Structure formats: structure tokens, C-alpha cells
Amino acid sequence: MQDWVKIQTFDRIHQAELRKDILEQNGIEAVVINETDSLFLIGEIELYVRKKDKAKANALIDEFYGLTKINSFILYKPMKLLYDLLQEEGVNVVLMEKEESEFVLENYELFVENDKIDQVVPYLTGEKLTDWTKIDSCQRTRQVRFRVEILEEAAIDAIVIKKKDSNLHVQEINIYVKNELVDKSKEILEELSGWELLKTYDKLHRAEIREDLLGKNSIKGIIRENEDNEYDLFVKDENIERATDVINSQKNWQKIATFNNNYKAQVAKEKLENANIDTVIIDKKDSMFLLGEYYLFVDELMIDKATKILS
């Protein structure tokens, strides 16, 4: 790393990662090198930048020195509610707005002084949110946003808190509402009035692939686990036809079975479609002698589920 220079050392990884984020948001390349012994947690965590960026990097670091990010979300109100709550409890926090990307134009972040971290943790775990109850959690920010927006339409405020692991990776994003609004909030998110079931998937990542596709086409999709431990994908009623077209246009059809007569193929097709799996039968019979085979195709994302049903 001849072109790189160390500008700071830390004893906590989140302190280094915060400053790395600040630098990269301002167009400065940064690298965190963790020399900490994983068994005894002894050692240093070092932050490097390119030599040509050292002066600017130090100026930016000084501007934010002493602060640690404790939470962030796309929407302002959930962050402002947590900000107000902490301020009322005597915890001095800073609420910042930043531009993160062309897709997330307004992102709101909460910071606290480093030596106040221990004071804030019980609120982030929910332990001290005595007037609030967790009603739902997701792994994706967009899924939380859609739920919060639905609650806001019903005049229900929500606090959003990101739970992270020791490496600062988001494990889940939790939604809290006032204790007296728990039942009403759960009912609203269960009914999803104005939304229609588009598809059901056996694996979460399969549903997320399709939800990503819908998002690229400006269609909101809500993913929810059902009682069969499968994942339902919902869209707004007015978008159901367009969403169906988008999903179908992107399917990668894979052959799953071959039959020697049309009746057996149709029986298999009906079984799969009753399980909400789209299928296509390709007739390969010889038109003169009516002999041949019938191929049954399904979307590649549904192969595992379809195979289990047919077996």
C-alpha cells in the first residue's frame, strides 16, 4: 500500500467504519484494516486513505469527530420520533439528512457521542422503549418502508430501529408502535387492504428476486411469510395486471417433467397451478401419427417446490 497513508486508529470497528463511510460519501477512497486478535480483541483497527487525500480526509474526520451512527432510515418521521424520545430521556443525539444515491435521495441518520453509546443501547434493543411494542421486522429497508407508509395512511406513527451484528451488518429492521395501537397496527398489516396476492414462493430469496424486478418497474411489492412458511408477494390492486406481465416477461422456463400423453401432462399442470405455480405444456407429438411427448415447464425459481409436489 505504497500510495496509502494511515490517518487514524481505533479500538472499535464501528468507529472506523463510520469514518470510512463519511470519507467515501465525499469521494475519498478509504480502507479499514482490522489487526484485532479475534480471540482476545487486542490490537488496532486502522483507517487508510490515499496520500493525495490526506488533508481533506482529516478535515472531514475532524468535522464528525466523536460521533457514532446509531440508526438510519429512508423516512424522516420514524427517525424524528426516536430522536425526540432520546432527547426527552436526556440523551443528546444529532439527526442528519444526507443524499445517499440516485435511488435513496433522502436518508436520515441518528448520531450520538461515542461515550454515550452504552446509554443508548437499551433503547435500540427495545428494553427502554416502555411505551412502544415491536409489531414486525424485515431484513430489507424497502419492505419496512412500505409497511410504515401503510401505517401512516392510518395515522399510526412508527419508530424504526435497525438491529446489527458485531460486524455492523443489518440483521433485521424492527417496527415499533405505541402500545395502545399494537392490535390495530397488526390488523392493518395483516389485512393489507387495497393489496392483492400476486404469487407465493417457497424461499424468501425467490420472492425478493421478483420484488426487486417489480421495484425496477416502479411497482411496490410487499413480501410476507404465511402460515405454511412460504412467502406471499402482494402488489396494489391497480397494479396486479402490470405486475403479472412484468413477472411473466422475465421468467426463465425450465423443463421439469416429460409425459407420453396429454392427460397426464394436464393433471400435473393442474396440480402445480393449484399450488400457485405457473406452468406451460409444450406438445412435441408428431402431427401425422399423434405420437410423441409432452414437456412440462415451470419458472426456474419454482423448480424445487414443483418437484416436491409432483413427486
Protein backbone atom coordinates (compact mmCIF):
# COMPACT_ATOMS: atom_id res chain seq x y z
CA MET A 1 0.00 0.00 0.00
CA GLN A 2 2.70 2.47 -1.04
CA ASP A 3 0.20 5.11 -2.13
CA TRP A 4 -1.81 4.87 1.08
CA VAL A 5 -1.36 6.55 4.46
CA LYS A 6 -2.82 5.76 7.87
CA ILE A 7 -4.79 8.67 9.29
CA GLN A 8 -6.37 7.18 12.43
CA THR A 9 -6.50 4.12 14.64
CA PHE A 10 -9.48 2.85 16.66
CA ASP A 11 -10.32 0.22 19.22
CA ARG A 12 -13.85 -0.37 17.88
CA ILE A 13 -14.72 -1.40 14.35
CA HIS A 14 -17.87 0.72 14.17
CA GLN A 15 -15.82 3.88 14.81
CA ALA A 16 -13.58 3.12 11.84
CA GLU A 17 -16.46 2.11 9.58
CA LEU A 18 -18.35 5.32 10.38
CA ARG A 19 -15.42 7.48 9.30
CA LYS A 20 -14.85 5.30 6.23
CA ASP A 21 -18.50 5.93 5.25
CA ILE A 22 -18.07 9.67 5.74
CA LEU A 23 -14.98 9.74 3.53
CA GLU A 24 -16.49 7.64 0.75
CA GLN A 25 -19.65 9.78 0.71
CA ASN A 26 -17.34 12.68 -0.07
CA GLY A 27 -15.50 10.93 -2.87
CA ILE A 28 -12.46 9.76 -0.89
CA GLU A 29 -11.34 6.15 -1.12
CA ALA A 30 -10.77 4.61 2.31
CA VAL A 31 -9.72 1.21 3.64
CA VAL A 32 -10.19 -0.25 7.12
CA ILE A 33 -7.56 -2.76 8.27
CA ASN A 34 -8.53 -4.73 11.34
CA GLU A 35 -5.49 -6.04 13.21
CA THR A 36 -7.53 -7.05 16.24
CA ASP A 37 -6.94 -10.57 17.56
CA SER A 38 -10.32 -12.28 17.18
CA LEU A 39 -9.87 -14.31 20.38
CA PHE A 40 -8.68 -11.64 22.81
CA LEU A 41 -9.91 -8.49 20.95
CA ILE A 42 -6.46 -6.96 21.37
CA GLY A 43 -4.94 -4.84 18.65
CA GLU A 44 -5.66 -1.84 16.46
CA ILE A 45 -8.16 -1.01 13.74
CA GLU A 46 -6.57 1.32 11.20
CA LEU A 47 -8.08 3.71 8.67
CA TYR A 48 -6.14 4.42 5.47
CA VAL A 49 -6.64 6.89 2.61
CA ARG A 50 -4.57 7.75 -0.44
CA LYS A 51 -1.75 10.23 0.24
CA LYS A 52 -3.25 12.87 -2.03
CA ASP A 53 -6.49 12.82 0.03
CA LYS A 54 -4.91 13.02 3.49
CA ALA A 55 -5.57 16.72 4.18
CA LYS A 56 -9.17 16.63 3.01
CA ALA A 57 -9.80 13.36 4.84
CA ASN A 58 -8.51 14.74 8.15
CA ALA A 59 -10.70 17.82 7.77
CA LEU A 60 -13.79 15.69 7.21
CA ILE A 61 -12.96 13.39 10.10
CA ASP A 62 -12.45 16.37 12.42
CA GLU A 63 -15.88 17.67 11.44
CA PHE A 64 -17.57 14.47 12.58
CA TYR A 65 -15.14 13.54 15.32
CA GLY A 66 -16.65 11.98 18.42
CA LEU A 67 -19.94 10.82 16.87
CA THR A 68 -21.20 7.31 16.20
CA LYS A 69 -24.18 6.49 13.98
CA ILE A 70 -26.80 4.56 15.95
CA ASN A 71 -29.66 4.32 13.47
CA SER A 72 -30.83 5.35 9.99
CA PHE A 73 -33.86 5.08 7.74
CA ILE A 74 -35.26 6.42 4.48
CA LEU A 75 -38.23 8.22 6.05
CA TYR A 76 -37.90 11.24 8.31
CA LYS A 77 -40.71 10.71 10.82
CA PRO A 78 -39.58 7.36 12.31
CA MET A 79 -36.13 8.87 12.95
CA LYS A 80 -37.57 12.11 14.36
CA LEU A 81 -39.75 10.12 16.79
CA LEU A 82 -36.72 8.25 18.12
CA TYR A 83 -34.73 11.49 18.23
CA ASP A 84 -37.44 13.18 20.32
CA LEU A 85 -37.72 10.18 22.63
CA LEU A 86 -33.97 10.10 23.32
CA GLN A 87 -33.81 13.85 23.84
CA GLU A 88 -36.64 13.63 26.37
CA GLU A 89 -34.64 10.95 28.19
CA GLY A 90 -31.66 13.27 28.43
CA VAL A 91 -29.60 11.66 25.66
CA ASN A 92 -28.05 14.22 23.32
CA VAL A 93 -28.42 12.94 19.75
CA VAL A 94 -27.88 14.51 16.33
CA LEU A 95 -30.27 13.97 13.41
CA MET A 96 -28.67 14.38 9.98
CA GLU A 97 -30.03 14.25 6.46
CA LYS A 98 -27.87 13.13 3.56
CA GLU A 99 -28.06 12.20 -0.10
CA GLU A 100 -27.02 8.57 -0.41
CA SER A 101 -27.67 7.62 -4.03
CA GLU A 102 -29.89 8.26 -7.01
CA PHE A 103 -32.33 5.73 -5.56
CA VAL A 104 -32.31 6.95 -1.94
CA LEU A 105 -32.38 10.74 -2.12
CA GLU A 106 -33.29 11.45 1.48
CA ASN A 107 -31.77 9.33 4.20
CA TYR A 108 -31.95 10.28 7.85
CA GLU A 109 -29.31 9.24 10.36
CA LEU A 110 -29.04 9.49 14.14
CA PHE A 111 -25.64 10.07 15.79
CA VAL A 112 -24.61 10.08 19.43
CA GLU A 113 -21.34 10.95 21.14
CA ASN A 114 -19.08 7.91 21.45
CA ASP A 115 -19.09 7.90 25.23
CA LYS A 116 -22.89 7.83 25.26
CA ILE A 117 -23.21 4.57 23.30
CA ASP A 118 -23.84 2.42 26.37
CA GLN A 119 -26.59 4.80 27.43
CA VAL A 120 -28.36 4.43 24.08
CA VAL A 121 -28.13 0.64 23.63
CA PRO A 122 -31.18 -0.22 25.86
CA TYR A 123 -33.34 1.96 23.61
CA LEU A 124 -32.04 0.33 20.43
CA THR A 125 -32.79 -3.15 21.80
CA GLY A 126 -36.29 -2.06 22.85
CA GLU A 127 -35.58 -2.62 26.53
CA LYS A 128 -36.29 1.03 27.40
CA LEU A 129 -38.98 1.63 24.80
CA THR A 130 -41.56 1.05 27.53
CA ASP A 131 -44.41 2.82 25.72
CA TRP A 132 -43.68 1.08 22.40
CA THR A 133 -44.03 -2.52 21.17
CA LYS A 134 -42.34 -4.26 18.24
CA ILE A 135 -45.02 -5.42 15.78
CA ASP A 136 -42.99 -6.55 12.77
CA SER A 137 -39.47 -6.93 11.42
CA CYS A 138 -37.90 -7.30 7.98
CA GLN A 139 -34.42 -7.64 6.54
CA ARG A 140 -34.95 -5.12 3.78
CA THR A 141 -35.29 -1.37 4.23
CA ARG A 142 -37.76 -1.10 1.35
CA GLN A 143 -40.08 -3.69 2.91
CA VAL A 144 -40.07 -1.76 6.17
CA ARG A 145 -40.75 1.48 4.32
CA PHE A 146 -43.85 0.09 2.63
CA ARG A 147 -45.22 -1.13 5.98
CA VAL A 148 -44.53 2.19 7.69
CA GLU A 149 -46.26 4.06 4.85
CA ILE A 150 -49.33 1.82 5.21
CA LEU A 151 -49.43 2.57 8.95
CA GLU A 152 -49.01 6.29 8.30
CA GLU A 153 -52.02 6.19 5.99
CA ALA A 154 -53.98 5.03 9.04
CA ALA A 155 -52.48 7.85 11.16
CA ILE A 156 -50.27 5.42 13.11
CA ASP A 157 -46.75 6.60 13.90
CA ALA A 158 -43.89 4.11 13.95
CA ILE A 159 -40.31 4.03 15.18
CA VAL A 160 -37.84 2.05 13.06
CA ILE A 161 -34.67 0.57 14.59
CA LYS A 162 -32.01 -1.37 12.73
CA LYS A 163 -30.52 -4.32 14.62
CA LYS A 164 -26.93 -5.03 13.58
CA ASP A 165 -24.42 -7.76 14.30
CA SER A 166 -20.87 -7.27 15.59
CA ASN A 167 -19.67 -6.50 12.04
CA LEU A 168 -22.29 -3.77 11.61
CA HIS A 169 -24.31 -5.83 9.14
CA VAL A 170 -28.07 -5.32 9.41
CA GLN A 171 -29.70 -8.47 10.81
CA GLU A 172 -33.24 -7.14 10.88
CA ILE A 173 -35.14 -3.88 10.89
CA ASN A 174 -37.79 -3.61 13.60
CA ILE A 175 -41.01 -1.60 13.57
CA TYR A 176 -42.38 -0.26 16.86
CA VAL A 177 -45.74 1.40 17.52
CA LYS A 178 -47.39 2.80 20.64
CA ASN A 179 -48.63 0.07 22.99
CA GLU A 180 -52.29 1.07 22.60
CA LEU A 181 -52.05 0.78 18.79
CA VAL A 182 -50.49 -2.69 18.59
CA ASP A 183 -53.66 -4.64 17.78
CA LYS A 184 -54.87 -2.10 15.23
CA SER A 185 -51.45 -1.98 13.56
CA LYS A 186 -51.14 -5.75 13.30
CA GLU A 187 -54.65 -5.97 11.85
CA ILE A 188 -53.83 -3.36 9.19
CA LEU A 189 -50.65 -5.14 8.14
CA GLU A 190 -52.45 -8.49 8.12
CA GLU A 191 -55.40 -7.34 6.02
CA LEU A 192 -53.32 -5.26 3.55
CA SER A 193 -56.47 -3.56 2.31
CA GLY A 194 -56.03 -2.46 -1.29
CA TRP A 195 -53.33 -5.05 -1.95
CA GLU A 196 -53.70 -8.34 -3.84
CA LEU A 197 -51.68 -11.56 -3.70
CA LEU A 198 -49.53 -11.86 -6.81
CA LYS A 199 -47.51 -15.02 -6.16
CA THR A 200 -46.33 -17.37 -3.42
CA TYR A 201 -42.72 -18.60 -3.23
CA ASP A 202 -41.19 -21.40 -1.19
CA LYS A 203 -37.97 -19.47 -0.45
CA LEU A 204 -37.55 -15.88 0.69
CA HIS A 205 -34.82 -15.10 -1.82
CA ARG A 206 -37.10 -16.19 -4.67
CA ALA A 207 -39.73 -13.69 -3.57
CA GLU A 208 -37.08 -11.00 -3.16
CA ILE A 209 -35.83 -11.54 -6.73
CA ARG A 210 -39.33 -10.86 -8.04
CA GLU A 211 -39.86 -7.93 -5.67
CA ASP A 212 -36.62 -6.41 -6.98
CA LEU A 213 -37.89 -6.83 -10.52
CA LEU A 214 -41.16 -5.10 -9.65
CA GLY A 215 -39.27 -2.26 -7.97
CA LYS A 216 -37.26 -1.67 -11.14
CA ASN A 217 -40.59 -1.23 -12.89
CA SER A 218 -41.91 1.23 -10.26
CA ILE A 219 -44.28 -1.32 -8.73
CA LYS A 220 -44.36 -1.69 -4.95
CA GLY A 221 -44.35 -5.26 -3.64
CA ILE A 222 -44.82 -6.43 -0.07
CA ILE A 223 -43.39 -9.80 0.99
CA ARG A 224 -44.98 -11.59 3.94
CA GLU A 225 -44.41 -15.05 5.39
CA ASN A 226 -47.57 -17.15 5.58
CA GLU A 227 -48.63 -19.94 7.95
CA ASP A 228 -47.09 -22.56 5.64
CA ASN A 229 -43.67 -20.91 5.98
CA GLU A 230 -43.84 -19.76 2.39
CA TYR A 231 -43.61 -16.18 1.17
CA ASP A 232 -46.51 -14.26 -0.35
CA LEU A 233 -45.82 -11.35 -2.68
CA PHE A 234 -48.52 -8.65 -2.73
CA VAL A 235 -48.98 -5.66 -5.02
CA LYS A 236 -51.51 -2.84 -5.13
CA ASP A 237 -54.83 -3.87 -6.65
CA GLU A 238 -54.45 -1.45 -9.54
CA ASN A 239 -51.02 -2.89 -10.39
CA ILE A 240 -51.91 -6.59 -10.44
CA GLU A 241 -52.15 -6.93 -14.25
CA ARG A 242 -48.99 -4.95 -14.95
CA ALA A 243 -47.11 -6.80 -12.21
CA THR A 244 -48.19 -10.14 -13.68
CA ASP A 245 -46.95 -9.07 -17.11
CA VAL A 246 -43.61 -7.93 -15.66
CA ILE A 247 -43.10 -11.21 -13.79
CA ASN A 248 -44.11 -13.40 -16.73
CA SER A 249 -41.91 -11.50 -19.17
CA GLN A 250 -38.84 -12.23 -17.06
CA LYS A 251 -39.41 -15.90 -16.33
CA ASN A 252 -36.75 -18.40 -17.21
CA TRP A 253 -38.74 -21.51 -18.10
CA GLN A 254 -37.17 -24.86 -17.23
CA LYS A 255 -38.42 -28.33 -18.19
CA ILE A 256 -39.47 -30.25 -15.11
CA ALA A 257 -41.24 -33.35 -16.50
CA THR A 258 -41.97 -35.31 -19.66
CA PHE A 259 -45.22 -37.24 -20.33
CA ASN A 260 -46.27 -39.65 -23.07
CA ASN A 261 -49.85 -38.41 -23.20
CA ASN A 262 -51.67 -35.12 -22.84
CA TYR A 263 -53.94 -36.27 -20.00
CA LYS A 264 -51.05 -36.92 -17.59
CA ALA A 265 -49.47 -33.61 -18.53
CA GLN A 266 -52.72 -31.74 -17.86
CA VAL A 267 -53.15 -33.46 -14.47
CA ALA A 268 -49.64 -32.39 -13.45
CA LYS A 269 -50.26 -28.87 -14.73
CA GLU A 270 -53.44 -28.58 -12.67
CA LYS A 271 -51.66 -29.78 -9.51
CA LEU A 272 -48.96 -27.16 -9.91
CA GLU A 273 -51.33 -24.33 -10.75
CA ASN A 274 -53.43 -25.19 -7.69
CA ALA A 275 -50.22 -24.53 -5.74
CA ASN A 276 -49.88 -21.12 -7.43
CA ILE A 277 -47.11 -22.27 -9.81
CA ASP A 278 -47.39 -21.13 -13.42
CA THR A 279 -46.78 -23.89 -15.95
CA VAL A 280 -46.50 -24.34 -19.71
CA ILE A 281 -47.04 -27.55 -21.70
CA ILE A 282 -45.07 -27.95 -24.91
CA ASP A 283 -46.56 -30.52 -27.27
CA LYS A 284 -43.81 -32.36 -29.16
CA LYS A 285 -46.02 -35.03 -30.74
CA ASP A 286 -45.77 -35.90 -34.44
CA SER A 287 -48.79 -34.22 -36.08
CA MET A 288 -49.30 -37.09 -38.55
CA PHE A 289 -49.25 -40.05 -36.16
CA LEU A 290 -50.19 -38.20 -32.90
CA LEU A 291 -47.21 -39.79 -31.20
CA GLY A 292 -44.58 -38.07 -29.14
CA GLU A 293 -44.04 -36.38 -25.80
CA TYR A 294 -45.44 -33.55 -23.71
CA TYR A 295 -42.96 -31.35 -21.88
CA LEU A 296 -43.98 -29.53 -18.72
CA PHE A 297 -42.13 -26.26 -17.96
CA VAL A 298 -42.10 -24.07 -14.83
CA ASP A 299 -40.27 -20.92 -13.81
CA GLU A 300 -36.77 -21.85 -12.61
CA LEU A 301 -37.47 -20.17 -9.26
CA MET A 302 -40.25 -22.68 -8.60
CA ILE A 303 -38.44 -25.89 -9.60
CA ASP A 304 -37.84 -27.13 -6.06
CA LYS A 305 -41.42 -26.60 -4.98
CA ALA A 306 -42.84 -28.05 -8.19
CA THR A 307 -40.61 -31.13 -7.97
CA LYS A 308 -41.78 -31.81 -4.42
CA ILE A 309 -45.44 -31.56 -5.46
CA LEU A 310 -45.10 -33.86 -8.45
CA SER A 311 -43.09 -36.44 -6.54
